Structure formats: C-alpha cells, structure tokens
N, C-alpha and C. Protein backbone atom coordinates (compact mmCIF):
# COMPACT_ATOMS: atom_id res chain seq x y z
N MET A 1 -47.14 47.38 12.80
CA MET A 1 -46.67 48.75 12.63
C MET A 1 -47.11 49.58 13.82
N LYS A 2 -46.16 50.22 14.53
CA LYS A 2 -46.49 50.99 15.71
C LYS A 2 -45.88 52.39 15.61
N HIS A 3 -46.64 53.36 16.13
CA HIS A 3 -46.16 54.72 16.26
C HIS A 3 -46.66 55.27 17.57
N ASN A 4 -45.73 55.91 18.36
CA ASN A 4 -46.11 56.49 19.64
C ASN A 4 -46.88 55.49 20.50
N GLY A 5 -46.50 54.21 20.42
CA GLY A 5 -47.17 53.19 21.20
C GLY A 5 -48.46 52.68 20.60
N ALA A 6 -48.85 53.22 19.43
CA ALA A 6 -50.10 52.82 18.79
C ALA A 6 -49.82 51.89 17.63
N ALA A 7 -50.80 51.08 17.30
CA ALA A 7 -50.62 50.12 16.22
C ALA A 7 -51.84 50.12 15.30
N LEU A 8 -51.58 49.91 14.02
CA LEU A 8 -52.63 49.74 13.03
C LEU A 8 -52.54 48.33 12.47
N ALA A 9 -53.68 47.79 12.10
CA ALA A 9 -53.70 46.43 11.58
C ALA A 9 -53.18 46.35 10.15
N HIS A 10 -53.23 47.46 9.41
CA HIS A 10 -52.82 47.47 8.01
C HIS A 10 -51.90 48.67 7.75
N ASP A 11 -50.97 48.51 6.85
CA ASP A 11 -50.09 49.60 6.46
C ASP A 11 -50.01 49.66 4.93
N PRO A 12 -50.69 50.60 4.29
CA PRO A 12 -51.53 51.63 4.92
C PRO A 12 -52.91 51.11 5.30
N THR A 13 -53.56 51.80 6.22
CA THR A 13 -54.97 51.55 6.52
C THR A 13 -55.81 52.49 5.68
N ASN A 14 -56.80 51.94 5.00
CA ASN A 14 -57.62 52.71 4.06
C ASN A 14 -59.03 52.91 4.62
N ILE A 15 -59.37 54.16 4.88
CA ILE A 15 -60.67 54.52 5.46
C ILE A 15 -61.39 55.45 4.49
N ILE A 16 -62.64 55.15 4.19
CA ILE A 16 -63.46 56.04 3.38
C ILE A 16 -64.60 56.58 4.23
N ILE A 17 -64.75 57.90 4.24
CA ILE A 17 -65.91 58.53 4.87
C ILE A 17 -66.76 59.10 3.75
N ALA A 18 -67.98 58.59 3.62
CA ALA A 18 -68.83 58.94 2.48
C ALA A 18 -70.14 59.53 2.96
N GLY A 19 -70.67 60.44 2.17
CA GLY A 19 -71.97 61.03 2.46
C GLY A 19 -72.41 61.87 1.29
N VAL A 20 -73.29 62.79 1.55
CA VAL A 20 -73.73 63.72 0.52
C VAL A 20 -73.44 65.13 1.00
N GLY A 21 -73.44 66.07 0.08
CA GLY A 21 -73.12 67.45 0.41
C GLY A 21 -73.98 67.98 1.54
N GLY A 22 -73.34 68.63 2.51
CA GLY A 22 -74.06 69.20 3.63
C GLY A 22 -74.07 68.33 4.87
N GLN A 23 -73.57 67.09 4.79
CA GLN A 23 -73.59 66.20 5.96
C GLN A 23 -72.35 66.34 6.84
N GLY A 24 -71.31 66.98 6.35
CA GLY A 24 -70.14 67.22 7.18
C GLY A 24 -69.12 66.11 7.18
N ASN A 25 -69.10 65.28 6.13
CA ASN A 25 -68.11 64.20 6.16
C ASN A 25 -66.69 64.70 5.95
N ILE A 26 -66.52 65.85 5.26
CA ILE A 26 -65.17 66.40 5.09
C ILE A 26 -64.63 66.87 6.43
N MET A 27 -65.47 67.53 7.22
CA MET A 27 -65.04 67.95 8.56
C MET A 27 -64.66 66.73 9.39
N ALA A 28 -65.47 65.66 9.31
CA ALA A 28 -65.17 64.45 10.08
C ALA A 28 -63.85 63.83 9.64
N SER A 29 -63.59 63.81 8.34
CA SER A 29 -62.35 63.21 7.84
C SER A 29 -61.14 64.03 8.26
N GLN A 30 -61.27 65.36 8.25
CA GLN A 30 -60.15 66.21 8.65
C GLN A 30 -59.86 66.06 10.13
N LEU A 31 -60.90 65.96 10.94
CA LEU A 31 -60.71 65.79 12.38
C LEU A 31 -60.02 64.46 12.67
N LEU A 32 -60.49 63.40 12.03
CA LEU A 32 -59.88 62.08 12.22
C LEU A 32 -58.45 62.07 11.72
N GLY A 33 -58.21 62.70 10.57
CA GLY A 33 -56.87 62.74 10.02
C GLY A 33 -55.89 63.48 10.92
N LYS A 34 -56.29 64.63 11.43
CA LYS A 34 -55.42 65.40 12.32
C LYS A 34 -55.09 64.62 13.58
N LEU A 35 -56.08 63.90 14.08
CA LEU A 35 -55.88 63.12 15.29
C LEU A 35 -54.87 62.00 15.06
N LEU A 36 -54.96 61.34 13.92
CA LEU A 36 -54.02 60.26 13.62
C LEU A 36 -52.60 60.81 13.40
N VAL A 37 -52.49 62.01 12.86
CA VAL A 37 -51.18 62.64 12.69
C VAL A 37 -50.52 62.85 14.05
N THR A 38 -51.31 63.25 15.06
CA THR A 38 -50.74 63.46 16.39
C THR A 38 -50.20 62.18 17.00
N LYS A 39 -50.64 61.03 16.49
CA LYS A 39 -50.15 59.74 16.97
C LYS A 39 -48.89 59.29 16.24
N GLY A 40 -48.41 60.13 15.30
CA GLY A 40 -47.17 59.82 14.61
C GLY A 40 -47.34 59.13 13.27
N PHE A 41 -48.57 58.98 12.80
CA PHE A 41 -48.80 58.36 11.50
C PHE A 41 -48.76 59.39 10.38
N GLU A 42 -48.41 58.92 9.21
CA GLU A 42 -48.58 59.75 8.02
C GLU A 42 -50.01 59.57 7.53
N VAL A 43 -50.69 60.67 7.29
CA VAL A 43 -52.07 60.63 6.83
C VAL A 43 -52.21 61.46 5.57
N ILE A 44 -52.77 60.85 4.55
CA ILE A 44 -53.07 61.57 3.31
C ILE A 44 -54.57 61.49 3.07
N ILE A 45 -55.19 62.64 2.81
CA ILE A 45 -56.62 62.69 2.58
C ILE A 45 -56.88 63.15 1.14
N GLY A 46 -57.65 62.35 0.42
CA GLY A 46 -58.09 62.72 -0.92
C GLY A 46 -59.61 62.78 -0.94
N GLU A 47 -60.16 63.73 -1.68
CA GLU A 47 -61.61 63.89 -1.70
C GLU A 47 -62.14 63.85 -3.12
N THR A 48 -63.30 63.24 -3.29
CA THR A 48 -63.97 63.22 -4.58
C THR A 48 -65.40 63.71 -4.39
N TYR A 49 -65.90 64.41 -5.40
CA TYR A 49 -67.22 65.01 -5.31
C TYR A 49 -68.05 64.58 -6.51
N GLY A 50 -69.27 64.09 -6.22
CA GLY A 50 -70.19 63.77 -7.29
C GLY A 50 -70.88 65.01 -7.81
N ALA A 51 -71.07 65.99 -6.96
CA ALA A 51 -71.66 67.27 -7.33
C ALA A 51 -71.29 68.26 -6.25
N SER A 52 -71.15 69.51 -6.63
CA SER A 52 -70.68 70.50 -5.66
C SER A 52 -71.78 70.99 -4.74
N GLN A 53 -73.04 70.86 -5.15
CA GLN A 53 -74.11 71.40 -4.34
C GLN A 53 -74.56 70.41 -3.27
N ARG A 54 -75.35 70.94 -2.32
CA ARG A 54 -75.90 70.10 -1.28
C ARG A 54 -76.68 68.95 -1.91
N GLY A 55 -76.44 67.74 -1.44
CA GLY A 55 -77.15 66.58 -1.96
C GLY A 55 -76.32 65.72 -2.90
N GLY A 56 -75.18 66.23 -3.39
CA GLY A 56 -74.32 65.43 -4.25
C GLY A 56 -73.39 64.56 -3.43
N SER A 57 -72.93 63.47 -4.00
CA SER A 57 -72.05 62.54 -3.31
C SER A 57 -70.71 63.20 -2.98
N VAL A 58 -70.24 62.98 -1.76
CA VAL A 58 -68.93 63.46 -1.33
C VAL A 58 -68.23 62.31 -0.62
N MET A 59 -66.99 62.06 -1.00
CA MET A 59 -66.26 60.92 -0.44
C MET A 59 -64.84 61.35 -0.08
N SER A 60 -64.44 61.08 1.15
CA SER A 60 -63.09 61.37 1.62
C SER A 60 -62.32 60.07 1.79
N HIS A 61 -61.13 60.03 1.21
CA HIS A 61 -60.23 58.88 1.34
C HIS A 61 -59.17 59.22 2.38
N LEU A 62 -59.08 58.46 3.45
CA LEU A 62 -58.00 58.62 4.42
C LEU A 62 -57.07 57.42 4.30
N ARG A 63 -55.81 57.71 4.03
CA ARG A 63 -54.80 56.65 3.99
C ARG A 63 -53.82 56.91 5.12
N VAL A 64 -53.71 55.95 6.01
CA VAL A 64 -52.93 56.10 7.24
C VAL A 64 -51.79 55.11 7.20
N ALA A 65 -50.56 55.62 7.32
CA ALA A 65 -49.40 54.74 7.14
C ALA A 65 -48.29 55.08 8.11
N GLY A 66 -47.39 54.14 8.25
CA GLY A 66 -46.20 54.34 9.06
C GLY A 66 -45.01 54.77 8.23
N LYS A 67 -45.17 54.76 6.94
CA LYS A 67 -44.09 55.20 6.05
C LYS A 67 -44.70 55.89 4.84
N GLY A 68 -43.89 56.65 4.12
CA GLY A 68 -44.37 57.46 3.01
C GLY A 68 -44.61 56.66 1.75
N GLY A 69 -44.85 57.41 0.67
CA GLY A 69 -45.00 56.79 -0.64
C GLY A 69 -46.39 56.30 -0.96
N ILE A 70 -47.42 56.84 -0.30
CA ILE A 70 -48.78 56.42 -0.59
C ILE A 70 -49.51 57.52 -1.36
N SER A 71 -50.39 57.11 -2.25
CA SER A 71 -51.17 58.06 -3.03
C SER A 71 -52.40 58.50 -2.23
N PRO A 72 -53.02 59.64 -2.60
CA PRO A 72 -54.16 60.12 -1.83
C PRO A 72 -55.46 59.38 -2.09
N ILE A 73 -55.53 58.59 -3.15
CA ILE A 73 -56.76 57.89 -3.48
C ILE A 73 -56.59 56.40 -3.26
N ILE A 74 -57.53 55.81 -2.55
CA ILE A 74 -57.49 54.38 -2.26
C ILE A 74 -57.74 53.58 -3.53
N PRO A 75 -56.95 52.55 -3.81
CA PRO A 75 -57.20 51.73 -5.00
C PRO A 75 -58.57 51.06 -4.94
N LYS A 76 -59.15 50.82 -6.08
CA LYS A 76 -60.46 50.16 -6.14
C LYS A 76 -60.39 48.80 -5.44
N GLY A 77 -61.40 48.52 -4.64
CA GLY A 77 -61.48 47.24 -3.95
C GLY A 77 -60.58 47.09 -2.75
N LYS A 78 -59.99 48.20 -2.27
CA LYS A 78 -58.99 48.10 -1.20
C LYS A 78 -59.34 48.84 0.08
N ALA A 79 -60.61 49.19 0.28
CA ALA A 79 -60.98 49.86 1.53
C ALA A 79 -60.96 48.86 2.68
N HIS A 80 -60.49 49.31 3.83
CA HIS A 80 -60.56 48.50 5.05
C HIS A 80 -61.78 48.86 5.89
N TYR A 81 -62.09 50.17 5.92
CA TYR A 81 -63.22 50.65 6.72
C TYR A 81 -64.00 51.69 5.91
N ILE A 82 -65.31 51.58 5.95
CA ILE A 82 -66.18 52.57 5.31
C ILE A 82 -67.09 53.16 6.39
N ILE A 83 -67.05 54.47 6.51
CA ILE A 83 -67.97 55.19 7.39
C ILE A 83 -68.91 55.96 6.48
N ALA A 84 -70.18 55.61 6.50
CA ALA A 84 -71.14 56.22 5.58
C ALA A 84 -72.17 57.02 6.37
N LEU A 85 -72.32 58.28 6.02
CA LEU A 85 -73.32 59.13 6.66
C LEU A 85 -74.69 58.98 6.02
N GLU A 86 -74.76 58.18 4.96
CA GLU A 86 -76.03 57.95 4.25
C GLU A 86 -75.98 56.53 3.70
N PRO A 87 -77.04 55.72 3.89
CA PRO A 87 -76.95 54.28 3.59
C PRO A 87 -76.74 53.94 2.11
N ALA A 88 -77.35 54.67 1.19
CA ALA A 88 -77.13 54.38 -0.22
C ALA A 88 -75.69 54.67 -0.62
N GLU A 89 -75.08 55.67 0.05
CA GLU A 89 -73.67 55.96 -0.21
C GLU A 89 -72.78 54.83 0.27
N ALA A 90 -73.17 54.17 1.36
CA ALA A 90 -72.41 53.01 1.82
C ALA A 90 -72.38 51.94 0.74
N LEU A 91 -73.53 51.67 0.15
CA LEU A 91 -73.61 50.66 -0.89
C LEU A 91 -72.84 51.07 -2.13
N ARG A 92 -72.95 52.33 -2.50
CA ARG A 92 -72.24 52.81 -3.68
C ARG A 92 -70.73 52.69 -3.51
N VAL A 93 -70.24 53.08 -2.34
CA VAL A 93 -68.80 53.00 -2.08
C VAL A 93 -68.34 51.55 -2.04
N MET A 94 -69.15 50.67 -1.45
CA MET A 94 -68.79 49.26 -1.42
C MET A 94 -68.65 48.69 -2.81
N GLY A 95 -69.49 49.15 -3.75
CA GLY A 95 -69.41 48.65 -5.11
C GLY A 95 -68.07 48.93 -5.76
N GLU A 96 -67.44 50.03 -5.39
CA GLU A 96 -66.14 50.39 -5.97
C GLU A 96 -64.96 49.96 -5.13
N TYR A 97 -65.09 50.09 -3.82
CA TYR A 97 -63.93 49.94 -2.94
C TYR A 97 -64.05 48.78 -1.96
N GLY A 98 -65.20 48.11 -1.96
CA GLY A 98 -65.40 47.02 -1.03
C GLY A 98 -64.66 45.75 -1.40
N ASN A 99 -64.62 44.83 -0.45
CA ASN A 99 -63.98 43.52 -0.62
C ASN A 99 -64.52 42.64 0.51
N PRO A 100 -64.26 41.35 0.50
CA PRO A 100 -64.83 40.49 1.54
C PRO A 100 -64.40 40.82 2.96
N ASP A 101 -63.31 41.57 3.13
CA ASP A 101 -62.82 41.91 4.46
C ASP A 101 -63.17 43.32 4.92
N VAL A 102 -63.91 44.07 4.08
CA VAL A 102 -64.23 45.45 4.45
C VAL A 102 -65.19 45.47 5.63
N ARG A 103 -65.05 46.50 6.46
CA ARG A 103 -65.93 46.69 7.61
C ARG A 103 -66.65 48.02 7.43
N VAL A 104 -67.95 48.00 7.71
CA VAL A 104 -68.79 49.15 7.37
C VAL A 104 -69.54 49.65 8.60
N LEU A 105 -69.52 50.97 8.76
CA LEU A 105 -70.31 51.66 9.77
C LEU A 105 -71.18 52.66 9.03
N SER A 106 -72.50 52.52 9.13
CA SER A 106 -73.39 53.36 8.32
C SER A 106 -74.52 53.97 9.13
N ASN A 107 -74.81 55.22 8.80
CA ASN A 107 -76.03 55.87 9.27
C ASN A 107 -77.22 55.19 8.60
N THR A 108 -78.38 55.24 9.22
CA THR A 108 -79.56 54.56 8.66
C THR A 108 -80.51 55.50 7.91
N ARG A 109 -80.39 56.80 8.08
CA ARG A 109 -81.37 57.73 7.52
C ARG A 109 -81.02 58.10 6.07
N PRO A 110 -81.91 57.77 5.12
CA PRO A 110 -81.66 58.15 3.73
C PRO A 110 -81.78 59.66 3.52
N ILE A 111 -81.04 60.15 2.54
CA ILE A 111 -81.24 61.49 2.00
C ILE A 111 -81.59 61.31 0.54
N TYR A 112 -82.79 61.73 0.17
CA TYR A 112 -83.28 61.43 -1.17
C TYR A 112 -82.81 62.47 -2.19
N PRO A 113 -82.17 62.02 -3.27
CA PRO A 113 -81.78 62.95 -4.33
C PRO A 113 -83.01 63.60 -4.96
N VAL A 114 -82.78 64.67 -5.69
CA VAL A 114 -83.88 65.40 -6.33
C VAL A 114 -84.68 64.48 -7.24
N ASP A 115 -84.01 63.61 -7.99
CA ASP A 115 -84.71 62.72 -8.92
C ASP A 115 -85.63 61.75 -8.19
N VAL A 116 -85.28 61.38 -6.97
CA VAL A 116 -86.16 60.53 -6.17
C VAL A 116 -87.33 61.35 -5.65
N SER A 117 -87.05 62.55 -5.19
CA SER A 117 -88.10 63.41 -4.65
C SER A 117 -89.15 63.75 -5.70
N THR A 118 -88.72 63.87 -6.95
CA THR A 118 -89.66 64.21 -8.03
C THR A 118 -90.33 62.99 -8.63
N GLY A 119 -89.91 61.79 -8.21
CA GLY A 119 -90.51 60.57 -8.71
C GLY A 119 -89.85 60.00 -9.95
N ALA A 120 -88.76 60.64 -10.41
CA ALA A 120 -88.09 60.16 -11.62
C ALA A 120 -87.31 58.87 -11.36
N LEU A 121 -86.84 58.70 -10.13
CA LEU A 121 -86.09 57.50 -9.75
C LEU A 121 -86.63 56.97 -8.43
N ASP A 122 -86.37 55.70 -8.16
CA ASP A 122 -86.75 55.09 -6.89
C ASP A 122 -85.52 54.95 -6.00
N TYR A 123 -85.71 55.20 -4.71
CA TYR A 123 -84.65 54.94 -3.75
C TYR A 123 -84.73 53.46 -3.37
N PRO A 124 -83.59 52.79 -3.21
CA PRO A 124 -83.63 51.36 -2.85
C PRO A 124 -84.38 51.12 -1.55
N ASP A 125 -85.06 49.99 -1.46
CA ASP A 125 -85.70 49.60 -0.21
C ASP A 125 -84.65 49.53 0.89
N LEU A 126 -84.90 50.21 2.01
CA LEU A 126 -83.87 50.35 3.03
C LEU A 126 -83.48 49.01 3.65
N ASP A 127 -84.46 48.16 3.93
CA ASP A 127 -84.14 46.85 4.52
C ASP A 127 -83.31 46.01 3.57
N ASN A 128 -83.65 46.06 2.29
CA ASN A 128 -82.89 45.30 1.30
C ASN A 128 -81.48 45.87 1.15
N LEU A 129 -81.40 47.19 1.18
CA LEU A 129 -80.09 47.85 1.07
C LEU A 129 -79.19 47.43 2.23
N LYS A 130 -79.74 47.42 3.44
CA LYS A 130 -78.95 47.02 4.61
C LYS A 130 -78.53 45.57 4.53
N LYS A 131 -79.40 44.72 4.00
CA LYS A 131 -79.05 43.29 3.86
C LYS A 131 -77.90 43.10 2.88
N ILE A 132 -77.95 43.82 1.76
CA ILE A 132 -76.88 43.70 0.76
C ILE A 132 -75.55 44.13 1.37
N ILE A 133 -75.56 45.26 2.08
CA ILE A 133 -74.32 45.73 2.70
C ILE A 133 -73.79 44.69 3.70
N THR A 134 -74.68 44.18 4.53
CA THR A 134 -74.27 43.20 5.54
C THR A 134 -73.74 41.92 4.91
N ASP A 135 -74.38 41.48 3.84
CA ASP A 135 -73.97 40.23 3.18
C ASP A 135 -72.62 40.34 2.49
N HIS A 136 -72.20 41.57 2.17
CA HIS A 136 -70.96 41.74 1.40
C HIS A 136 -69.84 42.40 2.20
N ALA A 137 -70.00 42.46 3.50
CA ALA A 137 -68.95 43.03 4.35
C ALA A 137 -68.60 42.04 5.46
N LYS A 138 -67.39 42.15 5.95
CA LYS A 138 -66.96 41.27 7.04
C LYS A 138 -67.68 41.63 8.33
N GLU A 139 -67.90 42.92 8.54
CA GLU A 139 -68.57 43.38 9.75
C GLU A 139 -69.34 44.65 9.41
N THR A 140 -70.55 44.77 9.93
CA THR A 140 -71.40 45.93 9.62
C THR A 140 -72.12 46.38 10.86
N PHE A 141 -72.13 47.69 11.06
CA PHE A 141 -72.94 48.29 12.12
C PHE A 141 -73.76 49.42 11.51
N PHE A 142 -75.03 49.49 11.90
CA PHE A 142 -75.90 50.58 11.48
C PHE A 142 -76.27 51.41 12.71
N VAL A 143 -76.15 52.71 12.58
CA VAL A 143 -76.42 53.64 13.67
C VAL A 143 -77.47 54.65 13.20
N ASP A 144 -78.47 54.89 14.03
CA ASP A 144 -79.51 55.87 13.70
C ASP A 144 -79.02 57.27 14.02
N ALA A 145 -77.93 57.67 13.37
CA ALA A 145 -77.25 58.92 13.74
C ALA A 145 -78.13 60.15 13.52
N THR A 146 -78.83 60.22 12.39
CA THR A 146 -79.68 61.38 12.14
C THR A 146 -80.83 61.44 13.12
N ASP A 147 -81.44 60.30 13.40
CA ASP A 147 -82.54 60.26 14.37
C ASP A 147 -82.06 60.70 15.76
N ILE A 148 -80.87 60.24 16.15
CA ILE A 148 -80.31 60.65 17.44
C ILE A 148 -80.05 62.16 17.45
N ALA A 149 -79.49 62.66 16.36
CA ALA A 149 -79.19 64.09 16.26
C ALA A 149 -80.46 64.93 16.39
N LEU A 150 -81.54 64.47 15.78
CA LEU A 150 -82.81 65.19 15.88
C LEU A 150 -83.37 65.10 17.29
N ARG A 151 -83.21 63.95 17.91
CA ARG A 151 -83.74 63.77 19.26
C ARG A 151 -83.06 64.68 20.27
N VAL A 152 -81.75 64.86 20.12
CA VAL A 152 -81.02 65.71 21.06
C VAL A 152 -80.90 67.14 20.56
N LYS A 153 -81.67 67.44 19.50
CA LYS A 153 -81.79 68.80 18.96
C LYS A 153 -80.47 69.34 18.42
N THR A 154 -79.70 68.44 17.79
CA THR A 154 -78.47 68.85 17.11
C THR A 154 -78.45 68.22 15.72
N PRO A 155 -79.39 68.60 14.85
CA PRO A 155 -79.54 67.90 13.56
C PRO A 155 -78.31 67.95 12.66
N ILE A 156 -77.44 68.95 12.85
CA ILE A 156 -76.28 69.05 11.97
C ILE A 156 -75.09 68.22 12.48
N LEU A 157 -75.26 67.53 13.60
CA LEU A 157 -74.13 66.82 14.21
C LEU A 157 -74.19 65.31 14.02
N ALA A 158 -74.90 64.85 13.01
CA ALA A 158 -74.89 63.40 12.74
C ALA A 158 -73.48 62.93 12.43
N ASN A 159 -72.65 63.79 11.82
CA ASN A 159 -71.27 63.39 11.52
C ASN A 159 -70.47 63.15 12.80
N ILE A 160 -70.69 63.97 13.82
CA ILE A 160 -69.98 63.79 15.09
C ILE A 160 -70.51 62.55 15.81
N ILE A 161 -71.79 62.29 15.70
CA ILE A 161 -72.36 61.06 16.26
C ILE A 161 -71.71 59.85 15.61
N MET A 162 -71.50 59.90 14.30
CA MET A 162 -70.85 58.78 13.61
C MET A 162 -69.39 58.65 14.04
N LEU A 163 -68.72 59.76 14.31
CA LEU A 163 -67.35 59.68 14.82
C LEU A 163 -67.33 59.03 16.20
N GLY A 164 -68.33 59.35 17.03
CA GLY A 164 -68.42 58.69 18.33
C GLY A 164 -68.60 57.19 18.19
N ALA A 165 -69.43 56.79 17.23
CA ALA A 165 -69.62 55.36 16.97
C ALA A 165 -68.32 54.73 16.49
N PHE A 166 -67.60 55.45 15.64
CA PHE A 166 -66.32 54.94 15.13
C PHE A 166 -65.31 54.79 16.27
N ALA A 167 -65.30 55.75 17.18
CA ALA A 167 -64.39 55.65 18.34
C ALA A 167 -64.73 54.43 19.19
N GLN A 168 -66.02 54.21 19.40
CA GLN A 168 -66.45 53.04 20.17
C GLN A 168 -66.11 51.74 19.47
N TRP A 169 -66.10 51.75 18.17
CA TRP A 169 -65.78 50.58 17.35
C TRP A 169 -64.37 50.08 17.67
N GLY A 170 -63.46 51.01 17.90
CA GLY A 170 -62.11 50.64 18.34
C GLY A 170 -61.22 50.04 17.28
N VAL A 171 -61.43 50.41 16.02
CA VAL A 171 -60.64 49.80 14.94
C VAL A 171 -59.36 50.58 14.64
N VAL A 172 -59.20 51.76 15.22
CA VAL A 172 -57.95 52.50 15.10
C VAL A 172 -57.43 52.79 16.51
N PRO A 173 -56.12 52.93 16.67
CA PRO A 173 -55.53 53.07 18.01
C PRO A 173 -55.66 54.48 18.56
N LEU A 174 -56.89 54.90 18.81
CA LEU A 174 -57.16 56.22 19.35
C LEU A 174 -58.10 56.08 20.54
N SER A 175 -57.79 56.76 21.61
CA SER A 175 -58.63 56.67 22.80
C SER A 175 -59.80 57.65 22.70
N VAL A 176 -60.80 57.41 23.51
CA VAL A 176 -61.95 58.32 23.57
C VAL A 176 -61.50 59.71 23.98
N ASP A 177 -60.61 59.80 24.94
CA ASP A 177 -60.12 61.11 25.38
C ASP A 177 -59.40 61.85 24.25
N GLU A 178 -58.68 61.11 23.42
CA GLU A 178 -57.99 61.74 22.30
C GLU A 178 -59.00 62.28 21.28
N PHE A 179 -60.05 61.52 21.02
CA PHE A 179 -61.10 62.00 20.13
C PHE A 179 -61.72 63.28 20.69
N LYS A 180 -62.04 63.28 21.97
CA LYS A 180 -62.68 64.44 22.58
C LYS A 180 -61.76 65.65 22.54
N GLU A 181 -60.47 65.45 22.76
CA GLU A 181 -59.53 66.56 22.71
C GLU A 181 -59.45 67.14 21.30
N ALA A 182 -59.51 66.26 20.29
CA ALA A 182 -59.50 66.74 18.90
C ALA A 182 -60.74 67.58 18.61
N ILE A 183 -61.88 67.18 19.16
CA ILE A 183 -63.11 67.96 18.99
C ILE A 183 -62.95 69.31 19.68
N ARG A 184 -62.38 69.32 20.86
CA ARG A 184 -62.19 70.58 21.60
C ARG A 184 -61.31 71.56 20.81
N GLN A 185 -60.34 71.02 20.10
CA GLN A 185 -59.43 71.86 19.33
C GLN A 185 -60.02 72.31 18.00
N SER A 186 -61.10 71.68 17.57
CA SER A 186 -61.65 71.94 16.25
C SER A 186 -62.97 72.72 16.26
N VAL A 187 -63.61 72.79 17.41
CA VAL A 187 -64.96 73.34 17.50
C VAL A 187 -64.95 74.60 18.35
N PRO A 188 -65.64 75.67 17.93
CA PRO A 188 -65.74 76.87 18.77
C PRO A 188 -66.33 76.55 20.13
N GLU A 189 -65.90 77.28 21.12
CA GLU A 189 -66.30 77.03 22.51
C GLU A 189 -67.81 76.99 22.68
N LYS A 190 -68.52 77.86 21.98
CA LYS A 190 -69.98 77.93 22.16
C LYS A 190 -70.70 76.68 21.64
N HIS A 191 -70.03 75.91 20.77
CA HIS A 191 -70.64 74.68 20.24
C HIS A 191 -70.05 73.42 20.84
N LEU A 192 -69.06 73.58 21.74
CA LEU A 192 -68.31 72.43 22.22
C LEU A 192 -69.17 71.44 22.99
N LYS A 193 -70.00 71.93 23.91
CA LYS A 193 -70.79 71.03 24.73
C LYS A 193 -71.68 70.14 23.88
N LYS A 194 -72.36 70.71 22.89
CA LYS A 194 -73.25 69.94 22.03
C LYS A 194 -72.46 68.91 21.21
N ASN A 195 -71.27 69.28 20.75
CA ASN A 195 -70.46 68.34 19.98
C ASN A 195 -69.99 67.17 20.83
N ILE A 196 -69.58 67.43 22.05
CA ILE A 196 -69.16 66.35 22.94
C ILE A 196 -70.34 65.45 23.27
N GLU A 197 -71.50 66.05 23.51
CA GLU A 197 -72.70 65.25 23.78
C GLU A 197 -73.05 64.38 22.58
N ALA A 198 -72.94 64.93 21.37
CA ALA A 198 -73.24 64.16 20.17
C ALA A 198 -72.26 63.00 20.02
N PHE A 199 -70.99 63.27 20.28
CA PHE A 199 -69.96 62.24 20.21
C PHE A 199 -70.29 61.10 21.18
N GLU A 200 -70.66 61.45 22.39
CA GLU A 200 -70.97 60.43 23.40
C GLU A 200 -72.24 59.65 23.04
N GLU A 201 -73.21 60.31 22.41
CA GLU A 201 -74.40 59.63 21.94
C GLU A 201 -74.04 58.58 20.89
N GLY A 202 -73.10 58.91 20.02
CA GLY A 202 -72.66 57.95 19.01
C GLY A 202 -71.98 56.74 19.63
N MET A 203 -71.17 56.98 20.64
CA MET A 203 -70.53 55.87 21.35
C MET A 203 -71.58 54.94 21.95
N ARG A 204 -72.57 55.53 22.62
CA ARG A 204 -73.61 54.72 23.24
C ARG A 204 -74.42 53.95 22.21
N ALA A 205 -74.66 54.58 21.06
CA ALA A 205 -75.46 53.92 20.02
C ALA A 205 -74.76 52.67 19.50
N LEU A 206 -73.45 52.77 19.28
CA LEU A 206 -72.73 51.59 18.78
C LEU A 206 -72.66 50.51 19.86
N ALA A 207 -72.41 50.93 21.08
CA ALA A 207 -72.31 49.97 22.18
C ALA A 207 -73.62 49.18 22.34
N ALA A 208 -74.73 49.83 22.03
CA ALA A 208 -76.03 49.19 22.19
C ALA A 208 -76.46 48.37 20.97
N SER A 209 -75.73 48.50 19.86
CA SER A 209 -76.15 47.83 18.62
C SER A 209 -75.68 46.38 18.58
C-alpha cells in the first residue's frame, strides 16, 4: 500500500501510544497523526482514559490506512506498534492488544500510582517487567526518555524524545525532516529549539540502544 510515494507494511497499521495523565501522549499521537495525513493516509485516532486526573492511564489508538472503513479503536490483540511513555503501561497494553508480532518502544522510568506511593500496592520489578515485555514481543527497544529529558533540562519533553526514538526506528514511511517540520508547525516558537533538541536526543538514544 503506497501513498505519495510512501508505503506501510500493514493496512491498516495499528499504533498505540500509551502513558499516564500528564505525560503528553495525546499531543504525541496528534502530531504523528497529522504528519501521516500529510503523506496521504487516512488516520483515525481514538483515545481511552483510565482516569481523568494526572497519573491515570491514557491510551491513544492510531489507525493508519490507505482506504476508509476503519473504526477508531484497535481490535484486541491487533496492535502492530506500541509506544509506551511508562513501562508498566507497555505491559498493560500488551496484555490487551499484543500478539507475537507486536513491536514495542518503551520509556524506562516508572511513574508510581498513588496506591504504590502509599504502600497499598507494589510496582512490578522493573527488570522483570522489561523481560516479560521483551519475551512477548517481536522487537523491543527501551529508551531512558525521562532521564534524558531531565539531563537536558526539559522534563516535560519525554514524549518528544520518544517520538524521536520512533522516527529513528523507521517503522513508518516518514523522514526525520518531516517529523521536525511537524514539530515546527505544532510548537510555539519560544519552545521550538528545546523540542527539536529533545527529538534529536530520542533519535540518538535509539540509535545507541
């Protein structure tokens, strides 16, 4: 399936961007969706919320197709790519939408729910969590997006760092320049330099992994 000279491996291609409230995964999904539309694809985005406040699960479904007739929600077990801004969310999404061919890109920094912070629940062991994800996916990459964001003093841009990693991954027919142009069109001028830097940090992180 090709549009404007671009090709996707699946029609539709099913991408889930998952995180918790406040991480910016909705912004990331909208930016990616708009960019794919400019390439001539039909893109439908559906969103589900575990809780409306900061810290609740938020999941965006992107369905990218060359023809119409697709629903906004990805069928269970049919994700092709999962981008997770929080590692436990990667595992949770895989439980519902994963399959032996799913490919996963995940941030490594946990965000602990209130019940974990108060001691009522335990957060999964991170090394074990990463092993489970790796064992049940066709391909897995982990990126220290939050740590990178803190290091470059842009803590709110872990989502853009993950988009940079996704661009470097090369699983959709979008060039780095196209990603950067989409960021330029979506971000106020005063924040543009930091967003581009964060994007490039994400690219470097995946290339080095």
